[in-house]
Every structure is written in C-alpha cells, then in structure tokens.
Protein backbone atom coordinates (compact mmCIF):
# COMPACT_ATOMS: atom_id res chain seq x y z
CA MET A 1 -60.13 113.63 77.60
CA PRO A 2 -61.72 117.09 77.24
CA GLU A 3 -63.47 118.81 80.08
CA GLU A 4 -67.25 118.70 80.00
CA LYS A 5 -69.99 121.14 80.89
CA ASN A 6 -73.41 120.40 82.28
CA ALA A 7 -76.69 121.87 81.02
CA HIS A 8 -76.04 125.02 83.05
CA GLY A 9 -72.66 125.66 81.45
CA GLU A 10 -70.78 124.66 84.61
CA MET A 11 -67.67 122.48 84.50
CA THR A 12 -68.34 118.92 85.65
CA ASP A 13 -65.88 116.65 87.41
CA ALA A 14 -65.98 113.88 84.78
CA VAL A 15 -62.16 113.95 84.93
CA MET A 16 -60.67 114.25 88.41
CA THR A 17 -57.22 115.07 89.74
CA LEU A 18 -55.45 113.05 92.40
CA GLN A 19 -56.40 115.68 94.99
CA GLU A 20 -60.07 115.57 93.96
CA VAL A 21 -60.19 111.77 94.14
CA ALA A 22 -58.62 111.90 97.62
CA VAL A 23 -61.38 114.26 98.79
CA TYR A 24 -64.06 112.19 97.04
CA LEU A 25 -62.95 108.95 98.67
CA LYS A 26 -62.10 110.67 101.96
CA VAL A 27 -58.53 109.35 102.15
CA SER A 28 -55.12 110.99 101.95
CA GLU A 29 -53.41 111.86 98.67
CA LYS A 30 -50.57 109.57 99.74
CA THR A 31 -53.01 106.66 99.98
CA ILE A 32 -54.42 107.39 96.52
CA THR A 33 -50.89 107.52 95.06
CA ARG A 34 -50.01 104.20 96.65
CA MET A 35 -53.20 102.55 95.43
CA VAL A 36 -52.93 103.74 91.84
CA GLN A 37 -49.24 102.83 91.62
CA ALA A 38 -50.08 99.36 92.89
CA GLY A 39 -52.82 98.99 90.30
CA GLU A 40 -55.56 98.90 92.96
CA LEU A 41 -57.24 102.08 91.71
CA PRO A 42 -57.90 102.85 88.02
CA GLY A 43 -56.05 105.96 86.84
CA LEU A 44 -54.07 107.34 83.91
CA LYS A 45 -50.85 109.32 84.03
CA VAL A 46 -50.90 112.42 81.79
CA SER A 47 -47.81 114.64 81.65
CA ASN A 48 -46.54 113.09 84.87
CA GLN A 49 -49.82 113.77 86.70
CA TRP A 50 -52.53 111.28 87.58
CA ARG A 51 -56.02 111.74 86.14
CA PHE A 52 -59.14 109.74 86.96
CA VAL A 53 -62.51 109.36 85.24
CA ARG A 54 -65.21 109.77 87.84
CA ALA A 55 -67.54 107.19 86.30
CA VAL A 56 -64.74 104.62 86.38
CA ILE A 57 -63.96 105.51 90.00
CA ASP A 58 -67.67 105.11 90.81
CA ASP A 59 -67.69 101.71 89.14
CA TRP A 60 -64.59 100.66 91.09
CA LEU A 61 -66.17 101.90 94.34
CA THR A 62 -69.44 100.09 93.62
CA ARG A 63 -67.68 96.79 93.02
CA ARG A 64 -65.66 97.29 96.22
CA MET A 65 -68.91 97.88 98.11
CA TYR A 66 -70.33 94.65 96.72
CA ARG A 67 -67.46 92.74 98.33
CA GLN A 68 -67.07 94.92 101.42
CA ALA A 69 -67.74 93.74 104.94
CA THR A 70 -71.22 94.47 106.26
CA GLU A 71 -69.84 96.63 109.09
CA GLN A 72 -67.90 98.81 106.65
CA LEU A 73 -70.92 99.26 104.41
CA ALA A 74 -73.03 100.21 107.41
CA GLU A 75 -70.66 103.10 108.06
CA VAL A 76 -71.37 104.53 104.59
CA ILE A 77 -75.09 104.89 105.23
CA GLN A 78 -74.70 106.68 108.56
CA PRO A 79 -76.39 108.79 109.75
CA PRO A 80 -79.63 107.01 108.78
CA HIS A 81 -81.82 108.79 106.23
CA GLU A 82 -85.38 107.48 106.34
CA GLU A 83 -86.23 109.13 103.02
CA LEU A 84 -83.52 106.99 101.39
CA SER A 85 -84.82 103.66 102.71
CA LEU A 86 -85.27 101.08 99.96
CA PRO A 87 -88.84 100.10 100.94
CA ARG A 88 -89.83 103.76 100.77
CA LEU A 89 -88.21 104.31 97.37
CA LEU A 90 -89.03 101.00 95.66
CA THR A 91 -92.81 101.33 95.67
CA PRO A 92 -95.01 99.06 93.48
CA ASN A 93 -95.37 101.67 90.74
CA ARG A 94 -91.57 101.78 90.40
CA ILE A 95 -91.18 98.01 90.04
CA ILE A 96 -91.29 96.50 86.54
CA MET A 97 -91.96 92.79 86.75
CA ASP A 98 -91.62 91.96 83.05
CA LEU A 99 -88.60 93.90 81.85
CA GLN A 100 -88.11 92.83 78.24
CA LEU A 101 -84.87 91.99 76.50
CA GLY A 102 -83.58 94.71 74.22
CA PRO A 103 -80.88 97.31 73.56
CA LYS A 104 -79.55 99.11 76.63
CA LYS A 105 -81.31 102.33 75.59
CA ASP A 106 -84.70 100.60 75.56
CA VAL A 107 -84.06 98.88 78.90
CA LEU A 108 -83.07 102.16 80.53
CA ALA A 109 -86.08 103.96 79.03
CA ARG A 110 -88.42 101.37 80.53
CA LEU A 111 -86.82 101.81 83.95
CA VAL A 112 -87.09 105.60 83.72
CA ALA A 113 -90.71 105.63 82.49
CA PRO A 114 -92.45 105.43 85.91
CA LEU A 115 -90.17 108.15 87.29
CA VAL A 116 -91.05 110.39 84.35
CA GLU A 117 -94.76 109.68 84.77
CA GLU A 118 -94.71 110.68 88.44
CA GLY A 119 -92.66 113.84 87.74
CA THR A 120 -89.50 112.83 89.59
CA VAL A 121 -87.46 113.07 86.39
CA THR A 122 -87.65 116.73 85.40
CA ASP A 123 -85.91 116.43 82.03
CA PRO A 124 -86.28 112.92 80.51
CA THR A 125 -84.02 113.60 77.53
CA ARG A 126 -81.21 114.89 79.72
CA TYR A 127 -81.58 112.09 82.25
CA MET A 128 -81.55 109.38 79.59
CA ALA A 129 -78.43 110.93 78.07
CA ALA A 130 -76.76 110.83 81.49
CA LEU A 131 -77.65 107.15 81.96
CA ILE A 132 -76.53 106.14 78.47
CA GLY A 133 -73.34 108.17 78.81
CA ARG A 134 -72.53 106.28 81.99
CA GLU A 135 -73.04 102.91 80.32
CA GLU A 136 -70.82 103.91 77.41
CA ILE A 137 -67.88 104.37 79.79
CA VAL A 138 -68.27 101.02 81.56
CA SER A 139 -71.26 98.76 82.15
CA THR A 140 -73.09 99.13 85.45
CA ALA A 141 -73.69 95.36 85.56
CA ILE A 142 -71.78 94.25 88.66
CA GLY A 143 -72.23 90.51 88.19
CA ASP A 144 -74.33 87.83 89.90
CA GLY A 145 -77.23 88.86 87.66
CA VAL A 146 -77.40 92.44 88.99
CA ALA A 147 -76.96 95.86 87.37
CA ILE A 148 -77.24 99.28 89.01
CA PRO A 149 -77.75 101.85 86.23
CA HIS A 150 -77.15 105.43 87.33
CA ALA A 151 -76.21 108.83 85.92
CA ARG A 152 -72.53 109.73 85.58
CA ASP A 153 -73.00 113.08 87.32
CA PRO A 154 -75.56 112.80 90.18
CA GLU A 155 -75.53 116.52 90.99
CA HIS A 156 -76.82 117.46 87.52
CA SER A 157 -78.94 114.49 86.53
CA ALA A 158 -82.36 116.17 86.14
CA LEU A 159 -84.03 114.67 89.20
CA ALA A 160 -86.44 116.48 91.51
CA LYS A 161 -85.34 114.22 94.35
CA SER A 162 -83.41 111.02 94.95
CA CYS A 163 -85.27 107.95 93.74
CA MET A 164 -84.99 104.33 92.62
CA ALA A 165 -86.68 101.90 90.25
CA LEU A 166 -86.35 98.14 89.81
CA GLY A 167 -86.72 96.06 86.68
CA ILE A 168 -86.86 92.24 86.76
CA CYS A 169 -86.02 90.13 83.71
CA ARG A 170 -86.34 86.49 84.77
CA GLU A 171 -84.70 85.05 81.66
CA GLY A 172 -81.83 87.51 81.96
CA MET A 173 -80.13 89.55 79.26
CA PRO A 174 -76.57 90.48 78.31
CA PHE A 175 -75.62 93.81 79.90
CA GLY A 176 -71.82 93.74 79.84
CA ALA A 177 -71.20 92.15 83.23
CA LEU A 178 -67.59 91.23 83.97
CA ASP A 179 -68.62 87.69 84.93
CA GLU A 180 -70.43 87.49 81.55
CA LYS A 181 -73.58 86.22 83.25
CA PRO A 182 -76.96 87.51 82.04
CA THR A 183 -78.46 90.32 84.11
CA GLN A 184 -81.85 89.76 85.74
CA LEU A 185 -82.18 92.57 88.28
CA PHE A 186 -81.81 96.23 87.30
CA PHE A 187 -81.71 98.65 90.24
CA LEU A 188 -81.89 102.15 88.76
CA ILE A 189 -80.27 104.37 91.39
CA GLY A 190 -81.18 108.02 91.12
CA GLY A 191 -79.27 109.96 93.75
CA ASN A 192 -79.42 113.70 93.14
CA SER A 193 -76.20 114.20 95.11
CA THR A 194 -73.00 112.21 95.46
CA GLU A 195 -73.81 111.49 99.12
CA ASP A 196 -77.29 110.17 98.31
CA HIS A 197 -75.91 108.11 95.45
CA LEU A 198 -73.30 106.40 97.64
CA ARG A 199 -75.80 105.75 100.42
CA LEU A 200 -78.29 104.19 98.00
CA VAL A 201 -75.58 102.01 96.47
CA ALA A 202 -74.47 100.88 99.94
CA ARG A 203 -78.02 100.11 101.05
CA THR A 204 -78.64 98.12 97.87
CA MET A 205 -75.43 96.12 98.33
CA LEU A 206 -76.28 95.35 101.96
CA MET A 207 -79.65 94.01 100.88
CA LEU A 208 -78.36 91.94 97.96
CA ARG A 209 -75.67 90.14 99.97
CA LYS A 210 -78.28 88.55 102.24
CA ALA A 211 -78.86 84.89 101.47
CA GLY A 212 -81.66 84.21 99.00
CA VAL A 213 -82.52 87.84 98.22
CA ILE A 214 -81.40 87.87 94.58
CA GLU A 215 -83.10 84.53 93.89
CA GLY A 216 -86.19 85.66 95.76
CA LEU A 217 -86.54 88.88 93.78
CA VAL A 218 -86.03 87.11 90.45
CA GLY A 219 -88.63 84.50 91.34
CA ALA A 220 -91.19 86.85 92.91
CA GLY A 221 -94.64 86.56 91.36
CA SER A 222 -95.95 90.06 92.05
CA THR A 223 -94.91 93.58 93.00
CA ASP A 224 -96.36 92.99 96.46
CA ALA A 225 -94.05 89.99 96.88
CA VAL A 226 -91.08 92.11 95.77
CA VAL A 227 -91.98 94.91 98.17
CA GLY A 228 -92.37 92.41 101.00
CA LEU A 229 -89.02 90.79 100.32
CA ILE A 230 -87.25 94.15 100.15
CA GLY A 231 -88.85 95.14 103.43
CA GLU A 232 -87.69 91.93 105.13
CA ALA A 233 -84.18 92.16 103.69
CA THR A 234 -83.66 95.74 104.87
CA GLU A 235 -84.98 95.40 108.43
C-alpha cells in the first residue's frame, strides 16, 4: 500500500509500523508482536516486517471499546474534558430525526450538513472524502444497529474543532455491519486529534451500553427527547 499525503503535502500515518502501533496503543512492541502473531490484532507481514492500516486498527479498537469493561473505558476519557461531553456536542441542530435510506455518500452528507452550516467543517469536500475513504476500508457500523462514521485521519480532517452529529433512521438501513443487522443510529464522530477521537468514541460506547439507551434513542419522538436521554445516560 503506497504512502499517502494530506492536503498540506505531509505524510500521513495511514500505514503504520509495529513501533508506531505500539506507541499509538500505548503498549510495548513485544505485546503488539504477541497479539498480531496470535491473530488478535489485524496486521500484514511485508518483507518480514509487520505493517498495519490505521483505519483498520481504529476499527479494531472501536469494537474492543464496545465490549470493554466500564472501568477500562472510563480510564480512556480521563482527565475529563467538559468540551467533549456528549450533551454539549449533540445539540438539537446536530440531531437528524428522519435520516433517509440511501447510498453511504448521501447518508454521510446529511450528517455533515449541519456541521457545514455552522462552520465547524472548514472544507466540506475534503471532509466528505475523508469520511468516504474511511468507509471504503471497512464499515464503521459496529453492530446492534449503531454506526460511528469518522474520518480516517483525525489530525487532518478539515474541522475547526471536535464535534459530533447524530442521525436516526427508525426503519434502519444496510451499512455493512458485521452482524448484518440494519443500522438505525449514526453517531458522526469528529475528533480533530487522535486523543479527542478516542475520548469521543469511549464516551459514546459508555452511553450506548446502558440498558435501554439504543432503543430509547431510536424511539424518541423529538430532538428534545433525544437530548434529554443523552443527558440522563451520560450523568
């Protein structure tokens, strides 16, 4: 896989070495080697050296977070960042109650629209390309009717600040989930740094694992009801 450059001509880390993955996941190189050899971590051996696609590692990490113990997830979001709280980010104008079925590109464009309108997305074309590029590697649908679309390279994703949006499709739509279930909730996660991205993913997972939250969001009748439920689930 060739190296890639961002809009500024800088090399991105779309493909990572074993050492880079160890730093990214904050574990030893020995641990990474053991995990990849055991098939626990997705990697590819090229000329006797391990290489990893960052988007695939992100997907693996996200799915691990979805199953992780609450105490372990809580560690990811420390220290607390009030500006990254879900009730603060998922405001009524960023919640789409009637997300329509359609191609992935159209679904993503609808999610991005309120962020473009408010000026949080500084380059819509570039941001959409980053979201679509991420989906082309592996779907961000994590199962249980939930997807978390995000850019493949948070540091260069054309955002003025970290943000989120939520789309609700009650009837559900195919989005490439591993469990093959239709996706009803689309949490667009816009972290403008790797740290913000991981914290937002962790906060979202902590909220979704609470009993009745997914069903409550899907069945909510208004943006006010959605905001209220998110507030209660993140207290």
